[in-house]
Amino acid sequence: MAITVSIELNRDIEIPGPYDDVFDLLADVPRSASHFPKVDKLVDLGDNAYRWEMDKIGVDKHAIQSVYASQYSADREGGKITWTPVKGEGNGVVKGSWVLTSKDDNTTRAKFQTSAELTLPLPGLLKLAISPVIKHEFNSLVDTYMANLKKAF
């Protein structure tokens, strides 16, 4: 038996760095991922696609792990970096985007949007209890990621 948890996140932040530097960091998936917490492995699948294997949460046979893959596309002129799901990889489907605009010479406004569906091997009865915990954890990871990106500049 499995449950599916859907998550949608939107963030709007200012990063204290010039547009080109911020774009270069975010478009370089391994470099950007190095600022994301609790990533166990980032596997290069080729063609700018990566499989994210997150740290396991829980203990022994009760541990769960989120694994998903996305293919990335970057449009410097349009200020957009997008990711779309790679089918058949892991237990998650994740898509989203960064939209960047230059606020001034040393500040970049970054809008982050992502949606995820995680399928976890848990009994359906646990969905009501576990969904808020998973959503809270995902929000916390993204908030830490945003703070780490700001610190990178």
N, C-alpha and C. Protein backbone atom coordinates (compact mmCIF):
# COMPACT_ATOMS: atom_id res chain seq x y z
N MET A 1 0.85 -1.17 0.00
CA MET A 1 0.00 0.00 0.00
C MET A 1 0.90 1.25 0.00
N ALA A 2 0.45 2.29 -0.64
CA ALA A 2 1.25 3.52 -0.73
C ALA A 2 0.33 4.73 -0.65
N ILE A 3 0.93 5.84 -0.22
CA ILE A 3 0.20 7.11 -0.20
C ILE A 3 0.96 8.09 -1.08
N THR A 4 0.23 9.04 -1.65
CA THR A 4 0.85 10.10 -2.45
C THR A 4 0.59 11.43 -1.76
N VAL A 5 1.67 12.17 -1.58
CA VAL A 5 1.60 13.48 -0.94
C VAL A 5 1.95 14.53 -1.99
N SER A 6 1.08 15.51 -2.17
CA SER A 6 1.32 16.59 -3.12
C SER A 6 1.77 17.84 -2.38
N ILE A 7 2.78 18.50 -2.94
CA ILE A 7 3.36 19.68 -2.31
C ILE A 7 3.54 20.76 -3.37
N GLU A 8 3.16 21.98 -3.04
CA GLU A 8 3.40 23.13 -3.92
C GLU A 8 4.05 24.21 -3.10
N LEU A 9 5.12 24.78 -3.62
CA LEU A 9 5.84 25.84 -2.91
C LEU A 9 6.13 27.00 -3.84
N ASN A 10 6.04 28.19 -3.28
CA ASN A 10 6.42 29.41 -3.99
C ASN A 10 7.24 30.27 -3.04
N ARG A 11 8.33 30.78 -3.53
CA ARG A 11 9.16 31.68 -2.75
C ARG A 11 9.56 32.84 -3.64
N ASP A 12 9.73 34.00 -3.03
CA ASP A 12 10.17 35.20 -3.74
C ASP A 12 11.26 35.80 -2.86
N ILE A 13 12.51 35.73 -3.33
CA ILE A 13 13.62 36.21 -2.50
C ILE A 13 14.50 37.17 -3.29
N GLU A 14 15.28 37.94 -2.56
CA GLU A 14 16.31 38.77 -3.17
C GLU A 14 17.65 38.19 -2.78
N ILE A 15 18.48 37.95 -3.80
CA ILE A 15 19.80 37.39 -3.57
C ILE A 15 20.83 38.51 -3.79
N PRO A 16 21.71 38.72 -2.82
CA PRO A 16 22.67 39.82 -2.91
C PRO A 16 23.83 39.52 -3.86
N GLY A 17 23.48 39.40 -5.15
CA GLY A 17 24.50 39.12 -6.16
C GLY A 17 24.02 39.59 -7.51
N PRO A 18 24.97 39.88 -8.41
CA PRO A 18 24.60 40.30 -9.77
C PRO A 18 23.85 39.18 -10.51
N TYR A 19 22.97 39.59 -11.41
CA TYR A 19 22.12 38.67 -12.17
C TYR A 19 22.93 37.52 -12.78
N ASP A 20 24.00 37.83 -13.51
CA ASP A 20 24.76 36.77 -14.19
C ASP A 20 25.34 35.76 -13.21
N ASP A 21 25.83 36.23 -12.07
CA ASP A 21 26.41 35.33 -11.07
C ASP A 21 25.33 34.43 -10.46
N VAL A 22 24.17 35.00 -10.16
CA VAL A 22 23.07 34.23 -9.58
C VAL A 22 22.56 33.22 -10.61
N PHE A 23 22.40 33.66 -11.86
CA PHE A 23 21.93 32.76 -12.91
C PHE A 23 22.91 31.59 -13.08
N ASP A 24 24.21 31.90 -13.12
CA ASP A 24 25.22 30.85 -13.31
C ASP A 24 25.16 29.82 -12.19
N LEU A 25 24.98 30.27 -10.96
CA LEU A 25 24.90 29.34 -9.83
C LEU A 25 23.66 28.46 -9.95
N LEU A 26 22.50 29.06 -10.19
CA LEU A 26 21.26 28.29 -10.21
C LEU A 26 21.15 27.37 -11.43
N ALA A 27 21.74 27.77 -12.55
CA ALA A 27 21.69 26.95 -13.77
C ALA A 27 22.66 25.77 -13.70
N ASP A 28 23.65 25.86 -12.82
CA ASP A 28 24.62 24.77 -12.63
C ASP A 28 24.05 23.86 -11.54
N VAL A 29 23.33 22.82 -11.95
CA VAL A 29 22.57 22.00 -11.00
C VAL A 29 23.43 21.43 -9.87
N PRO A 30 24.59 20.81 -10.15
CA PRO A 30 25.39 20.29 -9.03
C PRO A 30 25.83 21.41 -8.06
N ARG A 31 26.17 22.56 -8.59
CA ARG A 31 26.59 23.68 -7.73
C ARG A 31 25.40 24.18 -6.90
N SER A 32 24.26 24.33 -7.55
CA SER A 32 23.06 24.77 -6.85
C SER A 32 22.64 23.73 -5.80
N ALA A 33 22.68 22.46 -6.16
CA ALA A 33 22.28 21.38 -5.26
C ALA A 33 23.18 21.30 -4.03
N SER A 34 24.42 21.76 -4.16
CA SER A 34 25.33 21.72 -3.01
C SER A 34 24.84 22.62 -1.88
N HIS A 35 23.93 23.53 -2.17
CA HIS A 35 23.36 24.42 -1.17
C HIS A 35 22.04 23.87 -0.59
N PHE A 36 21.54 22.79 -1.18
CA PHE A 36 20.27 22.20 -0.73
C PHE A 36 20.57 21.19 0.37
N PRO A 37 19.88 21.29 1.52
CA PRO A 37 20.17 20.38 2.63
C PRO A 37 19.64 18.97 2.41
N LYS A 38 20.29 18.04 3.08
CA LYS A 38 19.86 16.64 3.18
C LYS A 38 19.80 15.92 1.83
N VAL A 39 20.71 16.28 0.91
CA VAL A 39 20.83 15.54 -0.34
C VAL A 39 21.86 14.43 -0.11
N ASP A 40 21.44 13.18 -0.21
CA ASP A 40 22.36 12.06 -0.04
C ASP A 40 23.24 11.93 -1.28
N LYS A 41 22.60 11.93 -2.46
CA LYS A 41 23.34 11.82 -3.73
C LYS A 41 22.63 12.60 -4.82
N LEU A 42 23.42 13.21 -5.68
CA LEU A 42 22.90 13.82 -6.90
C LEU A 42 23.59 13.07 -8.04
N VAL A 43 22.79 12.35 -8.82
CA VAL A 43 23.33 11.49 -9.87
C VAL A 43 23.08 12.13 -11.23
N ASP A 44 24.17 12.34 -11.99
CA ASP A 44 24.08 12.92 -13.33
C ASP A 44 23.60 11.84 -14.29
N LEU A 45 22.42 12.05 -14.87
CA LEU A 45 21.84 11.08 -15.81
C LEU A 45 22.16 11.43 -17.26
N GLY A 46 22.90 12.53 -17.47
CA GLY A 46 23.20 12.99 -18.82
C GLY A 46 22.13 13.92 -19.34
N ASP A 47 22.46 14.70 -20.36
CA ASP A 47 21.52 15.61 -21.00
C ASP A 47 20.87 16.59 -20.01
N ASN A 48 21.67 17.05 -19.04
CA ASN A 48 21.24 17.99 -18.02
C ASN A 48 20.06 17.48 -17.19
N ALA A 49 20.03 16.16 -16.98
CA ALA A 49 19.03 15.53 -16.11
C ALA A 49 19.78 14.96 -14.89
N TYR A 50 19.16 15.08 -13.73
CA TYR A 50 19.78 14.64 -12.48
C TYR A 50 18.76 13.91 -11.62
N ARG A 51 19.25 12.85 -10.96
CA ARG A 51 18.42 12.15 -9.98
C ARG A 51 18.84 12.61 -8.59
N TRP A 52 17.86 13.10 -7.86
CA TRP A 52 18.07 13.54 -6.48
C TRP A 52 17.71 12.39 -5.55
N GLU A 53 18.64 11.98 -4.72
CA GLU A 53 18.39 10.96 -3.71
C GLU A 53 18.57 11.65 -2.36
N MET A 54 17.47 11.88 -1.68
CA MET A 54 17.51 12.62 -0.42
C MET A 54 17.89 11.69 0.73
N ASP A 55 18.35 12.29 1.84
CA ASP A 55 18.64 11.50 3.03
C ASP A 55 17.39 10.76 3.47
N LYS A 56 17.59 9.56 4.03
CA LYS A 56 16.47 8.80 4.57
C LYS A 56 15.99 9.46 5.86
N ILE A 57 14.68 9.41 6.06
CA ILE A 57 14.08 9.94 7.27
C ILE A 57 13.41 8.77 7.97
N GLY A 58 13.67 8.61 9.25
CA GLY A 58 13.08 7.52 10.01
C GLY A 58 14.16 6.54 10.46
N VAL A 59 13.72 5.36 10.88
CA VAL A 59 14.63 4.36 11.43
C VAL A 59 14.39 3.01 10.76
N ASP A 60 15.49 2.37 10.37
CA ASP A 60 15.48 1.02 9.81
C ASP A 60 14.39 0.80 8.76
N LYS A 61 13.52 -0.21 9.00
CA LYS A 61 12.50 -0.54 8.01
C LYS A 61 11.40 0.52 7.93
N HIS A 62 11.41 1.47 8.85
CA HIS A 62 10.42 2.54 8.84
C HIS A 62 10.98 3.81 8.21
N ALA A 63 12.17 3.73 7.65
CA ALA A 63 12.78 4.90 7.01
C ALA A 63 12.19 5.08 5.61
N ILE A 64 11.98 6.33 5.26
CA ILE A 64 11.50 6.64 3.91
C ILE A 64 12.51 7.56 3.25
N GLN A 65 12.59 7.46 1.94
CA GLN A 65 13.52 8.28 1.18
C GLN A 65 12.81 8.81 -0.06
N SER A 66 13.03 10.08 -0.33
CA SER A 66 12.50 10.68 -1.54
C SER A 66 13.57 10.60 -2.62
N VAL A 67 13.18 10.06 -3.77
CA VAL A 67 14.07 9.96 -4.92
C VAL A 67 13.29 10.41 -6.14
N TYR A 68 13.86 11.35 -6.88
CA TYR A 68 13.20 11.82 -8.09
C TYR A 68 14.25 12.35 -9.05
N ALA A 69 13.86 12.48 -10.31
CA ALA A 69 14.79 13.01 -11.31
C ALA A 69 14.08 14.09 -12.12
N SER A 70 14.86 15.09 -12.46
CA SER A 70 14.34 16.18 -13.28
C SER A 70 15.37 16.55 -14.34
N GLN A 71 14.84 17.04 -15.46
CA GLN A 71 15.70 17.55 -16.53
C GLN A 71 15.61 19.07 -16.49
N TYR A 72 16.76 19.71 -16.61
CA TYR A 72 16.85 21.15 -16.43
C TYR A 72 17.09 21.88 -17.74
N SER A 73 16.52 23.06 -17.83
CA SER A 73 16.67 23.90 -19.01
C SER A 73 16.87 25.34 -18.52
N ALA A 74 17.85 26.03 -19.12
CA ALA A 74 18.15 27.39 -18.69
C ALA A 74 18.08 28.36 -19.86
N ASP A 75 17.39 29.47 -19.64
CA ASP A 75 17.23 30.53 -20.65
C ASP A 75 17.70 31.85 -20.01
N ARG A 76 18.99 32.17 -20.24
CA ARG A 76 19.58 33.36 -19.62
C ARG A 76 18.85 34.63 -20.04
N GLU A 77 18.58 34.77 -21.34
CA GLU A 77 17.91 35.98 -21.85
C GLU A 77 16.52 36.17 -21.24
N GLY A 78 15.80 35.06 -21.09
CA GLY A 78 14.45 35.12 -20.53
C GLY A 78 14.44 35.09 -19.01
N GLY A 79 15.60 34.84 -18.41
CA GLY A 79 15.70 34.82 -16.95
C GLY A 79 15.00 33.65 -16.30
N LYS A 80 14.97 32.50 -17.01
CA LYS A 80 14.20 31.38 -16.48
C LYS A 80 15.01 30.08 -16.49
N ILE A 81 14.91 29.37 -15.40
CA ILE A 81 15.49 28.03 -15.29
C ILE A 81 14.33 27.12 -14.91
N THR A 82 14.11 26.08 -15.69
CA THR A 82 12.98 25.19 -15.43
C THR A 82 13.45 23.75 -15.25
N TRP A 83 12.64 22.97 -14.56
CA TRP A 83 12.90 21.55 -14.45
C TRP A 83 11.60 20.79 -14.62
N THR A 84 11.71 19.69 -15.36
CA THR A 84 10.56 18.84 -15.65
C THR A 84 10.90 17.41 -15.23
N PRO A 85 9.89 16.63 -14.86
CA PRO A 85 10.15 15.28 -14.36
C PRO A 85 10.72 14.35 -15.42
N VAL A 86 11.60 13.46 -14.97
CA VAL A 86 12.09 12.35 -15.78
C VAL A 86 11.28 11.15 -15.32
N LYS A 87 10.52 10.58 -16.23
CA LYS A 87 9.63 9.47 -15.87
C LYS A 87 10.42 8.21 -15.52
N GLY A 88 9.87 7.46 -14.57
CA GLY A 88 10.45 6.17 -14.22
C GLY A 88 11.64 6.23 -13.28
N GLU A 89 11.89 7.38 -12.68
CA GLU A 89 13.02 7.52 -11.75
C GLU A 89 12.50 7.82 -10.35
N GLY A 90 12.64 6.87 -9.45
CA GLY A 90 12.33 7.12 -8.06
C GLY A 90 10.85 7.10 -7.71
N ASN A 91 10.53 7.72 -6.57
CA ASN A 91 9.17 7.73 -6.05
C ASN A 91 8.56 9.12 -6.03
N GLY A 92 9.17 10.05 -6.77
CA GLY A 92 8.67 11.40 -6.80
C GLY A 92 8.63 11.97 -8.21
N VAL A 93 7.75 12.93 -8.39
CA VAL A 93 7.64 13.68 -9.64
C VAL A 93 7.73 15.15 -9.26
N VAL A 94 8.79 15.82 -9.74
CA VAL A 94 9.03 17.20 -9.33
C VAL A 94 9.24 18.07 -10.57
N LYS A 95 8.54 19.22 -10.57
CA LYS A 95 8.72 20.19 -11.65
C LYS A 95 8.72 21.58 -11.03
N GLY A 96 9.26 22.54 -11.77
CA GLY A 96 9.25 23.90 -11.24
C GLY A 96 10.12 24.84 -12.05
N SER A 97 10.36 26.01 -11.44
CA SER A 97 11.16 27.02 -12.15
C SER A 97 11.72 28.06 -11.19
N TRP A 98 12.77 28.69 -11.68
CA TRP A 98 13.28 29.95 -11.13
C TRP A 98 13.00 31.00 -12.19
N VAL A 99 12.53 32.17 -11.78
CA VAL A 99 12.42 33.31 -12.67
C VAL A 99 13.23 34.43 -12.04
N LEU A 100 14.25 34.88 -12.77
CA LEU A 100 15.19 35.86 -12.22
C LEU A 100 15.05 37.21 -12.92
N THR A 101 15.15 38.27 -12.13
CA THR A 101 15.21 39.62 -12.68
C THR A 101 16.25 40.39 -11.90
N SER A 102 16.94 41.27 -12.60
CA SER A 102 17.95 42.10 -11.97
C SER A 102 17.27 43.28 -11.30
N LYS A 103 17.47 43.40 -10.00
CA LYS A 103 16.89 44.53 -9.28
C LYS A 103 17.80 45.75 -9.41
N ASP A 104 19.10 45.52 -9.24
CA ASP A 104 20.12 46.53 -9.48
C ASP A 104 21.42 45.77 -9.75
N ASP A 105 22.54 46.47 -9.83
CA ASP A 105 23.80 45.82 -10.20
C ASP A 105 24.21 44.69 -9.26
N ASN A 106 23.79 44.76 -8.01
CA ASN A 106 24.24 43.77 -7.03
C ASN A 106 23.12 43.01 -6.34
N THR A 107 21.92 43.06 -6.89
CA THR A 107 20.80 42.33 -6.29
C THR A 107 19.95 41.71 -7.39
N THR A 108 19.62 40.44 -7.18
CA THR A 108 18.77 39.71 -8.13
C THR A 108 17.52 39.22 -7.41
N ARG A 109 16.39 39.50 -8.01
CA ARG A 109 15.13 38.99 -7.47
C ARG A 109 14.91 37.61 -8.08
N ALA A 110 14.59 36.64 -7.23
CA ALA A 110 14.43 35.26 -7.68
C ALA A 110 13.08 34.73 -7.21
N LYS A 111 12.25 34.34 -8.17
CA LYS A 111 10.97 33.70 -7.85
C LYS A 111 11.14 32.21 -8.07
N PHE A 112 10.85 31.45 -7.04
CA PHE A 112 10.99 30.00 -7.05
C PHE A 112 9.61 29.38 -6.95
N GLN A 113 9.35 28.43 -7.82
CA GLN A 113 8.06 27.71 -7.80
C GLN A 113 8.36 26.25 -8.06
N THR A 114 7.79 25.39 -7.25
CA THR A 114 7.95 23.97 -7.50
C THR A 114 6.72 23.21 -7.01
N SER A 115 6.46 22.11 -7.67
CA SER A 115 5.41 21.21 -7.21
C SER A 115 5.96 19.79 -7.26
N ALA A 116 5.55 19.02 -6.28
CA ALA A 116 6.06 17.66 -6.16
C ALA A 116 4.94 16.73 -5.75
N GLU A 117 5.04 15.51 -6.24
CA GLU A 117 4.17 14.42 -5.79
C GLU A 117 5.08 13.29 -5.36
N LEU A 118 5.01 12.96 -4.09
CA LEU A 118 5.84 11.88 -3.55
C LEU A 118 4.95 10.70 -3.21
N THR A 119 5.33 9.53 -3.69
CA THR A 119 4.59 8.31 -3.39
C THR A 119 5.42 7.51 -2.39
N LEU A 120 4.85 7.28 -1.24
CA LEU A 120 5.59 6.64 -0.15
C LEU A 120 4.92 5.33 0.24
N PRO A 121 5.74 4.32 0.56
CA PRO A 121 5.21 2.99 0.91
C PRO A 121 4.66 2.95 2.33
N LEU A 122 3.55 3.62 2.52
CA LEU A 122 2.93 3.69 3.84
C LEU A 122 1.45 3.35 3.73
N PRO A 123 0.85 2.82 4.79
CA PRO A 123 -0.58 2.53 4.76
C PRO A 123 -1.41 3.79 4.58
N GLY A 124 -2.51 3.67 3.86
CA GLY A 124 -3.38 4.81 3.60
C GLY A 124 -3.87 5.51 4.85
N LEU A 125 -4.01 4.77 5.94
CA LEU A 125 -4.47 5.36 7.19
C LEU A 125 -3.51 6.42 7.72
N LEU A 126 -2.25 6.34 7.32
CA LEU A 126 -1.26 7.29 7.81
C LEU A 126 -1.25 8.60 7.04
N LYS A 127 -1.96 8.66 5.91
CA LYS A 127 -1.88 9.84 5.06
C LYS A 127 -2.23 11.13 5.81
N LEU A 128 -3.31 11.12 6.57
CA LEU A 128 -3.71 12.32 7.30
C LEU A 128 -2.66 12.75 8.31
N ALA A 129 -1.99 11.79 8.92
CA ALA A 129 -0.99 12.11 9.94
C ALA A 129 0.35 12.50 9.31
N ILE A 130 0.74 11.81 8.25
CA ILE A 130 2.10 11.99 7.72
C ILE A 130 2.19 13.14 6.71
N SER A 131 1.12 13.44 5.99
CA SER A 131 1.17 14.51 4.98
C SER A 131 1.66 15.84 5.54
N PRO A 132 1.11 16.33 6.68
CA PRO A 132 1.59 17.61 7.20
C PRO A 132 3.07 17.57 7.61
N VAL A 133 3.52 16.41 8.09
CA VAL A 133 4.92 16.26 8.50
C VAL A 133 5.83 16.36 7.27
N ILE A 134 5.46 15.68 6.20
CA ILE A 134 6.26 15.71 4.97
C ILE A 134 6.26 17.11 4.37
N LYS A 135 5.10 17.76 4.34
CA LYS A 135 5.03 19.13 3.80
C LYS A 135 5.86 20.09 4.64
N HIS A 136 5.82 19.94 5.95
CA HIS A 136 6.63 20.79 6.83
C HIS A 136 8.12 20.58 6.56
N GLU A 137 8.52 19.32 6.43
CA GLU A 137 9.93 18.99 6.17
C GLU A 137 10.37 19.60 4.84
N PHE A 138 9.56 19.46 3.81
CA PHE A 138 9.89 19.99 2.48
C PHE A 138 10.01 21.52 2.54
N ASN A 139 9.07 22.18 3.23
CA ASN A 139 9.14 23.63 3.40
C ASN A 139 10.42 24.03 4.13
N SER A 140 10.75 23.31 5.16
CA SER A 140 11.96 23.59 5.93
C SER A 140 13.22 23.45 5.08
N LEU A 141 13.27 22.39 4.27
CA LEU A 141 14.43 22.19 3.38
C LEU A 141 14.56 23.34 2.39
N VAL A 142 13.45 23.76 1.80
CA VAL A 142 13.48 24.85 0.82
C VAL A 142 13.87 26.17 1.50
N ASP A 143 13.37 26.41 2.70
CA ASP A 143 13.74 27.63 3.41
C ASP A 143 15.24 27.66 3.72
N THR A 144 15.79 26.52 4.12
CA THR A 144 17.23 26.42 4.37
C THR A 144 18.01 26.64 3.08
N TYR A 145 17.53 26.06 1.99
CA TYR A 145 18.14 26.24 0.67
C TYR A 145 18.18 27.72 0.30
N MET A 146 17.08 28.44 0.48
CA MET A 146 17.02 29.87 0.17
C MET A 146 18.04 30.64 1.01
N ALA A 147 18.11 30.33 2.29
CA ALA A 147 19.07 31.01 3.17
C ALA A 147 20.51 30.70 2.75
N ASN A 148 20.77 29.45 2.37
CA ASN A 148 22.11 29.07 1.91
C ASN A 148 22.49 29.78 0.62
N LEU A 149 21.53 29.96 -0.28
CA LEU A 149 21.82 30.68 -1.53
C LEU A 149 22.20 32.13 -1.25
N LYS A 150 21.49 32.76 -0.34
CA LYS A 150 21.81 34.15 0.02
C LYS A 150 23.22 34.23 0.60
N LYS A 151 23.58 33.25 1.45
CA LYS A 151 24.91 33.24 2.08
C LYS A 151 26.02 33.02 1.05
N ALA A 152 25.68 32.36 -0.07
CA ALA A 152 26.69 32.07 -1.10
C ALA A 152 27.24 33.34 -1.74
N PHE A 153 26.53 34.45 -1.57
CA PHE A 153 26.95 35.71 -2.17
C PHE A 153 27.38 36.65 -1.12
